[in-house]
C-alpha atoms as a PDB file:
ATOM      1  CA  MET A   1      24.577   5.820 -29.620  1.00  0.00           C
ATOM      2  CA  GLN A   2      25.339   5.215 -25.952  1.00  0.00           C
ATOM      3  CA  ARG A   3      24.858   8.914 -25.193  1.00  0.00           C
ATOM      4  CA  ARG A   4      21.492   8.823 -26.997  1.00  0.00           C
ATOM      5  CA  LEU A   5      20.347   5.813 -24.955  1.00  0.00           C
ATOM      6  CA  LEU A   6      21.273   7.549 -21.739  1.00  0.00           C
ATOM      7  CA  GLN A   7      19.246  10.579 -22.839  1.00  0.00           C
ATOM      8  CA  VAL A   8      16.257   8.453 -23.785  1.00  0.00           C
ATOM      9  CA  PHE A   9      16.163   6.597 -20.499  1.00  0.00           C
ATOM     10  CA  SER A  10      17.276   9.440 -18.275  1.00  0.00           C
ATOM     11  CA  GLY A  11      13.657  10.151 -17.355  1.00  0.00           C
ATOM     12  CA  VAL A  12      12.518   6.664 -16.457  1.00  0.00           C
ATOM     13  CA  ALA A  13      12.940   6.783 -12.722  1.00  0.00           C
ATOM     14  CA  ALA A  14      10.473   9.536 -11.980  1.00  0.00           C
ATOM     15  CA  VAL A  15       7.482   8.148 -13.827  1.00  0.00           C
ATOM     16  CA  LEU A  16       7.248   5.220 -11.445  1.00  0.00           C
ATOM     17  CA  ALA A  17       5.012   7.318  -9.263  1.00  0.00           C
ATOM     18  CA  ALA A  18       2.473   8.347 -11.879  1.00  0.00           C
ATOM     19  CA  GLY A  19       1.820   5.547 -14.340  1.00  0.00           C
ATOM     20  CA  CYS A  20       2.837   7.110 -17.681  1.00  0.00           C
ATOM     21  CA  GLY A  21       1.674  10.576 -16.793  1.00  0.00           C
ATOM     22  CA  SER A  22      -1.463  11.055 -14.744  1.00  0.00           C
ATOM     23  CA  LYS A  23      -3.495   8.259 -16.325  1.00  0.00           C
ATOM     24  CA  THR A  24      -3.795   6.028 -13.299  1.00  0.00           C
ATOM     25  CA  GLY A  25      -7.052   7.616 -12.173  1.00  0.00           C
ATOM     26  CA  LEU A  26      -6.141   6.834  -8.571  1.00  0.00           C
ATOM     27  CA  THR A  27      -6.869   9.191  -5.719  1.00  0.00           C
ATOM     28  CA  MET A  28      -3.627   9.943  -3.915  1.00  0.00           C
ATOM     29  CA  PRO A  29      -2.928  11.436  -0.441  1.00  0.00           C
ATOM     30  CA  GLU A  30      -3.613  15.100   0.295  1.00  0.00           C
ATOM     31  CA  PRO A  31      -1.251  17.543  -1.458  1.00  0.00           C
ATOM     32  CA  VAL A  32       1.693  19.191   0.240  1.00  0.00           C
ATOM     33  CA  ASP A  33       1.785  22.989   0.365  1.00  0.00           C
ATOM     34  CA  LEU A  34       5.117  23.643  -1.328  1.00  0.00           C
ATOM     35  CA  ALA A  35       4.934  27.359  -0.611  1.00  0.00           C
ATOM     36  CA  ALA A  36       4.602  27.045   3.133  1.00  0.00           C
ATOM     37  CA  GLY A  37       7.589  27.762   5.345  1.00  0.00           C
ATOM     38  CA  ARG A  38      10.470  28.616   3.033  1.00  0.00           C
ATOM     39  CA  ASP A  39      12.923  28.738   5.912  1.00  0.00           C
ATOM     40  CA  ALA A  40      14.293  25.745   7.830  1.00  0.00           C
ATOM     41  CA  PRO A  41      11.962  22.723   7.547  1.00  0.00           C
ATOM     42  CA  PRO A  42       9.790  22.036  10.579  1.00  0.00           C
ATOM     43  CA  PRO A  43      10.975  19.049  12.617  1.00  0.00           C
ATOM     44  CA  ALA A  44       7.973  16.997  11.440  1.00  0.00           C
ATOM     45  CA  LEU A  45       9.094  17.088   7.790  1.00  0.00           C
ATOM     46  CA  ARG A  46      11.360  14.339   6.449  1.00  0.00           C
ATOM     47  CA  CYS A  47      13.873  14.317   3.620  1.00  0.00           C
ATOM     48  CA  VAL A  48      12.774  12.225   0.628  1.00  0.00           C
ATOM     49  CA  ASP A  49      14.803   9.063   0.072  1.00  0.00           C
ATOM     50  CA  VAL A  50      12.606   6.483  -1.668  1.00  0.00           C
ATOM     51  CA  HIS A  51      14.331   3.306  -2.863  1.00  0.00           C
ATOM     52  CA  LEU A  52      12.260   0.801  -4.882  1.00  0.00           C
ATOM     53  CA  ARG A  53      13.464  -2.546  -6.219  1.00  0.00           C
ATOM     54  CA  TYR A  54      11.565  -4.449  -8.901  1.00  0.00           C
ATOM     55  CA  GLU A  55      11.401  -8.106  -9.774  1.00  0.00           C
ATOM     56  CA  SER A  56      10.829  -9.449 -13.264  1.00  0.00           C
ATOM     57  CA  ALA A  57       7.720 -11.407 -12.255  1.00  0.00           C
ATOM     58  CA  PRO A  58       4.499  -9.612 -11.237  1.00  0.00           C
ATOM     59  CA  PRO A  59       3.919  -9.563  -7.466  1.00  0.00           C
ATOM     60  CA  THR A  60       1.171 -11.493  -5.703  1.00  0.00           C
ATOM     61  CA  VAL A  61      -1.038  -9.473  -3.345  1.00  0.00           C
ATOM     62  CA  ILE A  62      -3.686 -11.081  -1.131  1.00  0.00           C
ATOM     63  CA  LEU A  63      -6.399  -8.770   0.168  1.00  0.00           C
ATOM     64  CA  MET A  64      -7.168 -10.144   3.637  1.00  0.00           C
ATOM     65  CA  ILE A  65     -10.560  -8.609   4.433  1.00  0.00           C
ATOM     66  CA  ASP A  66     -12.337  -8.581   7.784  1.00  0.00           C
ATOM     67  CA  ARG A  67     -15.786 -10.182   7.520  1.00  0.00           C
ATOM     68  CA  SER A  68     -16.734  -9.676  11.169  1.00  0.00           C
ATOM     69  CA  GLY A  69     -20.187  -8.371  12.092  1.00  0.00           C
ATOM     70  CA  SER A  70     -18.938  -4.854  12.812  1.00  0.00           C
ATOM     71  CA  MET A  71     -18.195  -4.342   9.092  1.00  0.00           C
ATOM     72  CA  THR A  72     -21.927  -3.624   8.721  1.00  0.00           C
ATOM     73  CA  SER A  73     -21.479  -0.420  10.780  1.00  0.00           C
ATOM     74  CA  ARG A  74     -21.925   2.903   9.040  1.00  0.00           C
ATOM     75  CA  PHE A  75     -18.814   4.285   7.367  1.00  0.00           C
ATOM     76  CA  ALA A  76     -19.816   7.301   5.307  1.00  0.00           C
ATOM     77  CA  GLY A  77     -23.299   8.170   6.494  1.00  0.00           C
ATOM     78  CA  THR A  78     -25.172   6.082   3.928  1.00  0.00           C
ATOM     79  CA  GLN A  79     -22.705   3.249   3.353  1.00  0.00           C
ATOM     80  CA  SER A  80     -21.509   0.447   5.569  1.00  0.00           C
ATOM     81  CA  ARG A  81     -17.805  -0.153   6.018  1.00  0.00           C
ATOM     82  CA  TRP A  82     -18.180  -3.266   3.866  1.00  0.00           C
ATOM     83  CA  ASP A  83     -19.874  -1.443   0.978  1.00  0.00           C
ATOM     84  CA  ALA A  84     -17.475   1.530   1.101  1.00  0.00           C
ATOM     85  CA  LEU A  85     -14.503  -0.814   0.951  1.00  0.00           C
ATOM     86  CA  GLY A  86     -16.029  -2.753  -1.947  1.00  0.00           C
ATOM     87  CA  ALA A  87     -16.563   0.440  -3.936  1.00  0.00           C
ATOM     88  CA  ALA A  88     -13.015   1.665  -3.289  1.00  0.00           C
ATOM     89  CA  LEU A  89     -11.587  -1.641  -4.458  1.00  0.00           C
ATOM     90  CA  PHE A  90     -13.888  -2.730  -7.281  1.00  0.00           C
ATOM     91  CA  ASP A  91     -15.987   0.166  -8.609  1.00  0.00           C
ATOM     92  CA  PRO A  92     -15.783  -0.063 -12.453  1.00  0.00           C
ATOM     93  CA  ASN A  93     -14.789   3.592 -12.751  1.00  0.00           C
ATOM     94  CA  ARG A  94     -12.865   4.378  -9.553  1.00  0.00           C
ATOM     95  CA  GLY A  95     -11.850   1.007  -8.132  1.00  0.00           C
ATOM     96  CA  VAL A  96      -8.170   0.477  -7.397  1.00  0.00           C
ATOM     97  CA  ILE A  97      -7.996  -3.190  -8.434  1.00  0.00           C
ATOM     98  CA  GLY A  98      -9.228  -2.555 -11.963  1.00  0.00           C
ATOM     99  CA  ARG A  99      -6.447  -0.025 -12.449  1.00  0.00           C
ATOM    100  CA  LEU A 100      -3.749  -2.429 -11.334  1.00  0.00           C
ATOM    101  CA  GLU A 101      -5.072  -5.871 -12.378  1.00  0.00           C
ATOM    102  CA  GLN A 102      -2.501  -6.313 -15.167  1.00  0.00           C
ATOM    103  CA  ARG A 103       0.434  -5.396 -12.930  1.00  0.00           C
ATOM    104  CA  ALA A 104      -0.109  -7.753  -9.999  1.00  0.00           C
ATOM    105  CA  ARG A 105      -1.780 -11.077  -9.200  1.00  0.00           C
ATOM    106  CA  PHE A 106      -4.568 -10.113  -6.812  1.00  0.00           C
ATOM    107  CA  GLY A 107      -6.481 -12.538  -4.625  1.00  0.00           C
ATOM    108  CA  VAL A 108      -9.039 -12.067  -1.839  1.00  0.00           C
ATOM    109  CA  THR A 109      -9.457 -13.921   1.453  1.00  0.00           C
ATOM    110  CA  PHE A 110     -12.326 -13.083   3.812  1.00  0.00           C
ATOM    111  CA  PHE A 111     -11.703 -13.910   7.456  1.00  0.00           C
ATOM    112  CA  THR A 112     -13.831 -14.148  10.575  1.00  0.00           C
ATOM    113  CA  GLY A 113     -14.712 -16.766  13.195  1.00  0.00           C
ATOM    114  CA  GLN A 114     -17.519 -17.943  15.434  1.00  0.00           C
ATOM    115  CA  ALA A 115     -17.244 -18.583  19.139  1.00  0.00           C
ATOM    116  CA  GLY A 116     -17.698 -22.308  19.691  1.00  0.00           C
ATOM    117  CA  GLY A 117     -17.791 -22.885  15.935  1.00  0.00           C
ATOM    118  CA  ILE A 118     -15.434 -22.715  12.960  1.00  0.00           C
ATOM    119  CA  CYS A 119     -12.383 -20.552  13.647  1.00  0.00           C
ATOM    120  CA  PRO A 120     -10.744 -19.152  11.719  1.00  0.00           C
ATOM    121  CA  MET A 121     -13.440 -19.083   9.051  1.00  0.00           C
ATOM    122  CA  LEU A 122     -11.769 -18.294   5.719  1.00  0.00           C
ATOM    123  CA  LYS A 123     -13.131 -17.958   2.195  1.00  0.00           C
ATOM    124  CA  HIS A 124     -10.627 -17.487  -0.594  1.00  0.00           C
ATOM    125  CA  HIS A 125     -10.522 -16.481  -4.260  1.00  0.00           C
ATOM    126  CA  GLY A 126      -7.221 -17.360  -5.912  1.00  0.00           C
ATOM    127  CA  ALA A 127      -4.758 -14.758  -7.153  1.00  0.00           C
ATOM    128  CA  ASP A 128      -4.288 -14.075 -10.862  1.00  0.00           C
ATOM    129  CA  LEU A 129      -3.643 -11.302 -13.373  1.00  0.00           C
ATOM    130  CA  GLY A 130      -6.594  -9.519 -14.959  1.00  0.00           C
ATOM    131  CA  ASN A 131      -9.217 -10.869 -12.557  1.00  0.00           C
ATOM    132  CA  ALA A 132     -10.733  -7.617 -11.232  1.00  0.00           C
ATOM    133  CA  ARG A 133     -14.225  -8.514 -12.475  1.00  0.00           C
ATOM    134  CA  ASP A 134     -14.108 -11.986 -10.914  1.00  0.00           C
ATOM    135  CA  LEU A 135     -12.947 -10.557  -7.598  1.00  0.00           C
ATOM    136  CA  ALA A 136     -15.700  -7.922  -7.718  1.00  0.00           C
ATOM    137  CA  LEU A 137     -18.334 -10.642  -8.179  1.00  0.00           C
ATOM    138  CA  PHE A 138     -16.765 -12.695  -5.392  1.00  0.00           C
ATOM    139  CA  TYR A 139     -16.882  -9.698  -3.056  1.00  0.00           C
ATOM    140  CA  ALA A 140     -20.460  -8.815  -4.011  1.00  0.00           C
ATOM    141  CA  GLY A 141     -21.567 -12.370  -3.243  1.00  0.00           C
ATOM    142  CA  GLU A 142     -20.486 -12.171   0.406  1.00  0.00           C
ATOM    143  CA  ARG A 143     -21.630 -10.162   3.407  1.00  0.00           C
ATOM    144  CA  PRO A 144     -20.215  -9.698   6.918  1.00  0.00           C
ATOM    145  CA  LEU A 145     -21.102 -12.457   9.363  1.00  0.00           C
ATOM    146  CA  ALA A 146     -23.488 -10.399  11.490  1.00  0.00           C
ATOM    147  CA  PRO A 147     -23.944 -10.215  14.345  1.00  0.00           C
ATOM    148  CA  ALA A 148     -21.786 -13.102  15.530  1.00  0.00           C
ATOM    149  CA  GLY A 149     -18.653 -12.806  13.401  1.00  0.00           C
ATOM    150  CA  ASP A 150     -15.422 -12.293  15.347  1.00  0.00           C
ATOM    151  CA  THR A 151     -11.981 -10.966  14.341  1.00  0.00           C
ATOM    152  CA  PRO A 152      -9.326 -13.690  14.825  1.00  0.00           C
ATOM    153  CA  THR A 153      -6.631 -11.728  13.006  1.00  0.00           C
ATOM    154  CA  GLY A 154      -3.554 -13.607  14.174  1.00  0.00           C
ATOM    155  CA  ASP A 155      -5.045 -17.076  13.613  1.00  0.00           C
ATOM    156  CA  SER A 156      -6.212 -16.108  10.129  1.00  0.00           C
ATOM    157  CA  LEU A 157      -2.981 -14.371   9.153  1.00  0.00           C
ATOM    158  CA  ASP A 158      -0.953 -17.455  10.057  1.00  0.00           C
ATOM    159  CA  VAL A 159      -3.041 -19.654   7.744  1.00  0.00           C
ATOM    160  CA  ILE A 160      -3.017 -17.178   4.847  1.00  0.00           C
ATOM    161  CA  ALA A 161       0.729 -16.544   5.132  1.00  0.00           C
ATOM    162  CA  ARG A 162       1.541 -20.272   5.113  1.00  0.00           C
ATOM    163  CA  GLU A 163      -0.596 -20.834   2.032  1.00  0.00           C
ATOM    164  CA  LEU A 164       0.932 -17.839   0.264  1.00  0.00           C
ATOM    165  CA  ALA A 165       4.475 -18.931   1.137  1.00  0.00           C
ATOM    166  CA  SER A 166       3.757 -22.344  -0.404  1.00  0.00           C
ATOM    167  CA  ASP A 167       2.725 -20.727  -3.703  1.00  0.00           C
ATOM    168  CA  LEU A 168       5.637 -21.434  -6.069  1.00  0.00           C
ATOM    169  CA  VAL A 169       4.698 -18.704  -8.558  1.00  0.00           C
ATOM    170  CA  PRO A 170       7.711 -16.338  -8.843  1.00  0.00           C
ATOM    171  CA  GLY A 171       7.576 -12.723  -7.705  1.00  0.00           C
ATOM    172  CA  SER A 172       7.258 -10.897  -4.426  1.00  0.00           C
ATOM    173  CA  LYS A 173       4.361 -11.695  -2.083  1.00  0.00           C
ATOM    174  CA  SER A 174       2.421  -9.418   0.237  1.00  0.00           C
ATOM    175  CA  ILE A 175      -0.780  -9.281   2.267  1.00  0.00           C
ATOM    176  CA  LEU A 176      -2.975  -6.228   2.722  1.00  0.00           C
ATOM    177  CA  LEU A 177      -4.941  -6.669   5.937  1.00  0.00           C
ATOM    178  CA  VAL A 178      -8.120  -4.553   5.957  1.00  0.00           C
ATOM    179  CA  THR A 179      -9.950  -4.593   9.287  1.00  0.00           C
ATOM    180  CA  ASP A 180     -12.282  -2.411  11.329  1.00  0.00           C
ATOM    181  CA  GLY A 181     -11.723  -3.495  14.920  1.00  0.00           C
ATOM    182  CA  GLU A 182      -9.367  -4.778  17.553  1.00  0.00           C
ATOM    183  CA  PRO A 183      -8.401  -8.441  17.031  1.00  0.00           C
ATOM    184  CA  ASP A 184      -9.455 -11.337  19.196  1.00  0.00           C
ATOM    185  CA  THR A 185      -8.386 -14.993  19.001  1.00  0.00           C
ATOM    186  CA  CYS A 186     -10.084 -18.304  18.288  1.00  0.00           C
ATOM    187  CA  GLU A 187      -9.363 -19.398  21.853  1.00  0.00           C
ATOM    188  CA  GLN A 188     -10.651 -16.161  23.401  1.00  0.00           C
ATOM    189  CA  PRO A 189     -13.113 -14.303  21.132  1.00  0.00           C
ATOM    190  CA  ASN A 190     -14.106 -11.858  23.867  1.00  0.00           C
ATOM    191  CA  PRO A 191     -12.812  -9.464  24.960  1.00  0.00           C
ATOM    192  CA  GLN A 192     -10.802  -8.230  21.998  1.00  0.00           C
ATOM    193  CA  GLU A 193      -7.321  -8.883  23.354  1.00  0.00           C
ATOM    194  CA  GLY A 194      -5.612 -10.579  20.433  1.00  0.00           C
ATOM    195  CA  GLN A 195      -3.189  -7.758  19.620  1.00  0.00           C
ATOM    196  CA  GLY A 196      -0.097  -9.714  20.686  1.00  0.00           C
ATOM    197  CA  GLU A 197      -1.050 -12.749  18.609  1.00  0.00           C
ATOM    198  CA  ALA A 198      -1.760 -10.588  15.550  1.00  0.00           C
ATOM    199  CA  ILE A 199       1.604  -8.810  15.841  1.00  0.00           C
ATOM    200  CA  GLN A 200       3.468 -12.106  16.179  1.00  0.00           C
ATOM    201  CA  ALA A 201       1.645 -13.496  13.128  1.00  0.00           C
ATOM    202  CA  ALA A 202       2.719 -10.454  11.076  1.00  0.00           C
ATOM    203  CA  GLN A 203       6.311 -10.993  12.212  1.00  0.00           C
ATOM    204  CA  ARG A 204       6.133 -14.662  11.214  1.00  0.00           C
ATOM    205  CA  ALA A 205       4.787 -13.703   7.788  1.00  0.00           C
ATOM    206  CA  PHE A 206       7.640 -11.262   7.263  1.00  0.00           C
ATOM    207  CA  SER A 207      10.152 -13.962   8.243  1.00  0.00           C
ATOM    208  CA  MET A 208       8.710 -16.048   5.374  1.00  0.00           C
ATOM    209  CA  GLY A 209       9.373 -13.226   2.921  1.00  0.00           C
ATOM    210  CA  ILE A 210       5.802 -11.863   2.948  1.00  0.00           C
ATOM    211  CA  ARG A 211       5.264  -8.149   3.551  1.00  0.00           C
ATOM    212  CA  VAL A 212       2.126  -7.319   5.544  1.00  0.00           C
ATOM    213  CA  PHE A 213       0.402  -3.945   5.131  1.00  0.00           C
ATOM    214  CA  VAL A 214      -2.523  -2.913   7.338  1.00  0.00           C
ATOM    215  CA  LEU A 215      -5.430  -0.513   6.823  1.00  0.00           C
ATOM    216  CA  GLY A 216      -7.928   0.288   9.563  1.00  0.00           C
ATOM    217  CA  VAL A 217     -11.398   1.040   8.180  1.00  0.00           C
ATOM    218  CA  SER A 218     -12.675   2.756  11.321  1.00  0.00           C
ATOM    219  CA  ARG A 219     -11.578   4.690  14.369  1.00  0.00           C
ATOM    220  CA  ASP A 220     -12.300   1.676  16.570  1.00  0.00           C
ATOM    221  CA  ILE A 221      -8.732   0.403  16.200  1.00  0.00           C
ATOM    222  CA  ALA A 222      -6.125   1.843  18.535  1.00  0.00           C
ATOM    223  CA  ARG A 223      -3.527   3.847  16.608  1.00  0.00           C
ATOM    224  CA  GLU A 224      -0.812   2.157  18.647  1.00  0.00           C
ATOM    225  CA  HIS A 225      -1.940  -1.280  17.480  1.00  0.00           C
ATOM    226  CA  LEU A 226      -1.963  -0.209  13.827  1.00  0.00           C
ATOM    227  CA  GLN A 227       1.570   1.143  14.240  1.00  0.00           C
ATOM    228  CA  HIS A 228       2.794  -2.083  15.826  1.00  0.00           C
ATOM    229  CA  MET A 229       1.170  -4.174  13.084  1.00  0.00           C
ATOM    230  CA  ALA A 230       2.663  -1.995  10.345  1.00  0.00           C
ATOM    231  CA  ASN A 231       6.125  -2.284  11.910  1.00  0.00           C
ATOM    232  CA  ALA A 232       5.818  -6.051  12.429  1.00  0.00           C
ATOM    233  CA  GLY A 233       4.720  -6.617   8.836  1.00  0.00           C
ATOM    234  CA  ALA A 234       7.722  -4.695   7.501  1.00  0.00           C
ATOM    235  CA  GLY A 235      10.345  -6.171   9.832  1.00  0.00           C
ATOM    236  CA  ARG A 236      10.792  -2.854  11.678  1.00  0.00           C
ATOM    237  CA  PRO A 237      11.247  -2.203  15.424  1.00  0.00           C
ATOM    238  CA  LEU A 238       7.837  -2.386  17.091  1.00  0.00           C
ATOM    239  CA  ALA A 239       8.395   0.783  19.134  1.00  0.00           C
ATOM    240  CA  ALA A 240       9.215   2.945  16.077  1.00  0.00           C
ATOM    241  CA  GLN A 241       6.707   5.746  15.472  1.00  0.00           C
ATOM    242  CA  TRP A 242       5.697   7.054  12.047  1.00  0.00           C
ATOM    243  CA  GLY A 243       6.582  10.741  11.702  1.00  0.00           C
ATOM    244  CA  ARG A 244       9.231  10.501  14.422  1.00  0.00           C
ATOM    245  CA  ASP A 245      11.487   7.547  13.669  1.00  0.00           C
ATOM    246  CA  PRO A 246      12.854   7.056  10.137  1.00  0.00           C
ATOM    247  CA  GLU A 247      12.703   3.261  10.443  1.00  0.00           C
ATOM    248  CA  ALA A 248       8.967   3.208  11.251  1.00  0.00           C
ATOM    249  CA  ALA A 249       6.518   1.699   8.754  1.00  0.00           C
ATOM    250  CA  ARG A 250       3.457   3.748   7.887  1.00  0.00           C
ATOM    251  CA  PRO A 251       0.171   2.749   9.561  1.00  0.00           C
ATOM    252  CA  TYR A 252      -3.005   3.517   7.621  1.00  0.00           C
ATOM    253  CA  GLN A 253      -6.273   4.485   9.301  1.00  0.00           C
ATOM    254  CA  ALA A 254      -9.086   5.757   7.094  1.00  0.00           C
ATOM    255  CA  THR A 255     -11.416   8.544   8.074  1.00  0.00           C
ATOM    256  CA  GLU A 256     -15.067   8.142   7.154  1.00  0.00           C
ATOM    257  CA  ASP A 257     -14.450   9.450   3.655  1.00  0.00           C
ATOM    258  CA  PRO A 258     -14.775   7.063   0.674  1.00  0.00           C
ATOM    259  CA  ALA A 259     -12.419   9.156  -1.462  1.00  0.00           C
ATOM    260  CA  GLU A 260      -9.732   9.053   1.205  1.00  0.00           C
ATOM    261  CA  LEU A 261     -10.210   5.313   1.588  1.00  0.00           C
ATOM    262  CA  ALA A 262      -9.630   4.836  -2.149  1.00  0.00           C
ATOM    263  CA  GLY A 263      -6.553   7.065  -1.945  1.00  0.00           C
ATOM    264  CA  GLN A 264      -5.082   5.106   0.926  1.00  0.00           C
ATOM    265  CA  LEU A 265      -5.672   1.797  -0.845  1.00  0.00           C
ATOM    266  CA  ALA A 266      -4.016   3.203  -3.954  1.00  0.00           C
ATOM    267  CA  SER A 267      -1.033   4.416  -1.957  1.00  0.00           C
ATOM    268  CA  ILE A 268      -0.532   0.985  -0.374  1.00  0.00           C
ATOM    269  CA  LEU A 269      -1.043  -1.090  -3.505  1.00  0.00           C
ATOM    270  CA  LEU A 270       1.059   1.144  -5.737  1.00  0.00           C
ATOM    271  CA  GLY A 271       3.946   0.306  -3.427  1.00  0.00           C
ATOM    272  CA  ALA A 272       3.478  -3.394  -4.155  1.00  0.00           C
ATOM    273  CA  VAL A 273       3.274  -3.279  -7.964  1.00  0.00           C
ATOM    274  CA  ARG A 274       5.241  -1.931 -10.892  1.00  0.00           C
ATOM    275  CA  SER A 275       3.743   1.515 -11.228  1.00  0.00           C
ATOM    276  CA  CYS A 276       4.852   4.730 -12.911  1.00  0.00           C
ATOM    277  CA  VAL A 277       3.589   6.685  -9.913  1.00  0.00           C
ATOM    278  CA  VAL A 278       5.699   6.923  -6.755  1.00  0.00           C
ATOM    279  CA  PRO A 279       3.486   8.289  -3.979  1.00  0.00           C
ATOM    280  CA  LEU A 280       5.174  10.569  -1.474  1.00  0.00           C
ATOM    281  CA  ASP A 281       3.983  11.269   2.046  1.00  0.00           C
ATOM    282  CA  PRO A 282       2.422  14.487   3.347  1.00  0.00           C
ATOM    283  CA  ASP A 283       5.349  14.945   5.756  1.00  0.00           C
ATOM    284  CA  HIS A 284       8.004  14.751   3.020  1.00  0.00           C
ATOM    285  CA  ASP A 285       9.876  18.035   2.599  1.00  0.00           C
ATOM    286  CA  LEU A 286       9.578  19.012  -1.092  1.00  0.00           C
ATOM    287  CA  ARG A 287      10.748  22.622  -0.917  1.00  0.00           C
ATOM    288  CA  ARG A 288      14.046  21.679  -2.591  1.00  0.00           C
ATOM    289  CA  ILE A 289      12.413  19.571  -5.277  1.00  0.00           C
ATOM    290  CA  ASP A 290      14.550  21.385  -7.891  1.00  0.00           C
ATOM    291  CA  GLU A 291      17.559  19.559  -6.428  1.00  0.00           C
ATOM    292  CA  ALA A 292      15.920  16.140  -6.613  1.00  0.00           C
ATOM    293  CA  VAL A 293      17.985  13.255  -7.948  1.00  0.00           C
ATOM    294  CA  VAL A 294      15.924  10.539  -9.651  1.00  0.00           C
ATOM    295  CA  THR A 295      17.759   7.498 -10.998  1.00  0.00           C
ATOM    296  CA  LEU A 296      16.459   4.401 -12.752  1.00  0.00           C
ATOM    297  CA  ASP A 297      18.888   1.478 -12.903  1.00  0.00           C
ATOM    298  CA  GLU A 298      21.636   4.015 -12.079  1.00  0.00           C
ATOM    299  CA  MET A 299      20.666   6.289 -14.996  1.00  0.00           C
ATOM    300  CA  ARG A 300      19.782   9.806 -13.913  1.00  0.00           C
ATOM    301  CA  LEU A 301      16.457  11.071 -15.221  1.00  0.00           C
ATOM    302  CA  GLU A 302      15.634  14.645 -16.142  1.00  0.00           C
ATOM    303  CA  ARG A 303      12.799  16.593 -14.590  1.00  0.00           C
ATOM    304  CA  ASP A 304       9.909  17.699 -16.850  1.00  0.00           C
ATOM    305  CA  HIS A 305      11.364  15.722 -19.757  1.00  0.00           C
ATOM    306  CA  GLY A 306       9.158  13.628 -22.028  1.00  0.00           C
ATOM    307  CA  ASP A 307      11.134  10.514 -21.085  1.00  0.00           C
ATOM    308  CA  GLY A 308      11.909  11.616 -17.560  1.00  0.00           C
ATOM    309  CA  TRP A 309       9.858  12.614 -14.534  1.00  0.00           C
ATOM    310  CA  ARG A 310       7.737  15.339 -13.080  1.00  0.00           C
ATOM    311  CA  LEU A 311       6.249  16.289  -9.727  1.00  0.00           C
ATOM    312  CA  SER A 312       2.522  15.632  -9.779  1.00  0.00           C
ATOM    313  CA  PRO A 313       0.696  18.994  -9.909  1.00  0.00           C
ATOM    314  CA  ASP A 314      -2.123  17.830  -7.645  1.00  0.00           C
ATOM    315  CA  THR A 315      -0.682  15.339  -5.152  1.00  0.00           C
ATOM    316  CA  PRO A 316       2.649  14.557  -3.477  1.00  0.00           C
ATOM    317  CA  ALA A 317       3.917  12.039  -6.007  1.00  0.00           C
ATOM    318  CA  ILE A 318       6.669  11.563  -8.570  1.00  0.00           C
ATOM    319  CA  GLU A 319       5.429  10.630 -12.042  1.00  0.00           C
ATOM    320  CA  LEU A 320       7.606   8.791 -14.560  1.00  0.00           C
ATOM    321  CA  LEU A 321       7.027   9.673 -18.200  1.00  0.00           C
ATOM    322  CA  GLY A 322       7.431   8.192 -21.655  1.00  0.00           C
ATOM    323  CA  SER A 323      10.198   5.614 -22.081  1.00  0.00           C
ATOM    324  CA  ALA A 324      11.010   5.808 -18.373  1.00  0.00           C
ATOM    325  CA  CYS A 325       7.503   4.614 -17.536  1.00  0.00           C
ATOM    326  CA  GLU A 326       7.725   1.880 -20.178  1.00  0.00           C
ATOM    327  CA  LEU A 327      11.026   0.651 -18.781  1.00  0.00           C
ATOM    328  CA  VAL A 328       9.620   0.489 -15.245  1.00  0.00           C
ATOM    329  CA  ARG A 329       6.681  -1.597 -16.383  1.00  0.00           C
ATOM    330  CA  ALA A 330       8.840  -3.913 -18.476  1.00  0.00           C
ATOM    331  CA  SER A 331      12.271  -4.611 -17.028  1.00  0.00           C
ATOM    332  CA  ALA A 332      13.636  -1.961 -14.657  1.00  0.00           C
ATOM    333  CA  ARG A 333      15.340  -3.267 -11.519  1.00  0.00           C
ATOM    334  CA  GLU A 334      15.734  -0.251  -9.266  1.00  0.00           C
ATOM    335  CA  LEU A 335      14.416   3.302  -8.810  1.00  0.00           C
ATOM    336  CA  ARG A 336      15.621   5.903  -6.342  1.00  0.00           C
ATOM    337  CA  VAL A 337      14.162   9.327  -5.566  1.00  0.00           C
ATOM    338  CA  GLN A 338      16.141  11.695  -3.315  1.00  0.00           C
ATOM    339  CA  VAL A 339      15.198  15.221  -2.313  1.00  0.00           C
ATOM    340  CA  PRO A 340      17.583  16.799   0.200  1.00  0.00           C
ATOM    341  CA  CYS A 341      16.531  18.760   3.251  1.00  0.00           C
ATOM    342  CA  ASP A 342      19.950  20.372   3.531  1.00  0.00           C
ATOM    343  CA  ARG A 343      23.037  20.689   1.355  1.00  0.00           C
ATOM    344  CA  SER A 344      24.904  17.897   3.134  1.00  0.00           C
ATOM    345  CA  ALA A 345      22.151  15.417   2.197  1.00  0.00           C
ATOM    346  CA  LEU A 346      22.775  15.765  -1.541  1.00  0.00           C
ATOM    347  CA  PRO A 347      24.177  12.624  -3.227  1.00  0.00           C
ATOM    348  CA  ARG A 348      27.752  12.967  -4.402  1.00  0.00           C
END
């Protein structure tokens, strides 16, 4: 009987990335060319070592959305940044929140400010399970504060983090900051020189047990600032660089492509909820995927098994299948995915 149970659950760990097969409907990052460069991996590629821990209670995720005047700027030719973001989050067919609303408590807080007026100016919809439609209506009922809305990121993040930390509902807590410009402050709305305050606010949030993710919805934000914010929100060294330093957190900066925006949002939010899809990064080295070790609660899962895992055929992601997926969604505590870059990296 014990052997049978181990066989049944041996595939659970790999489905975490795909949501019981490929039924998530989420657009993931661009695929990796597994046939390219069969020799030694280029220096830019990284070995896969993904370690996810789950809590029994669903996580709480607050979408902290920039409502400054610049969000009315064009994003995809015909859409504004505001409208493109709303579609990526709440579209009935393609929206990310509708796909995940039963796996996490989502809430929305709009932030902006006015020079000489209210600052920060926040408008909040509480977090709950299954509230995608309510959040969509809340989003549709607001517009950017044009042309006078500012971007007091640090001031706003401090308020939101304190309120979230005071929420006694069990489960992990995180904030996804979505913004389209450099931050300013309530004290000094112009010029936009609030980077230091925003970084410190992200560090304070992390010290309260709140992870802060950041997505830039334009090219107006300096890549360096996004990297610093990503590192600060994950408790990593500020100077660490994604793609160079293994301890660096990933910064997200969307191109003017609605599909890519939806994919980036999915990639971020899937990391904050119990999902059967584990997204991998384009710079992960998957050429030795046949040697991958996927374990769920210390039980090794089999590749291409009905209750195990598979590599997504279209995107760089691990998909958990069958009973493995069910266990992740219900009670699993820990998933690990390892793909070695060289023989010495294999687990013993």
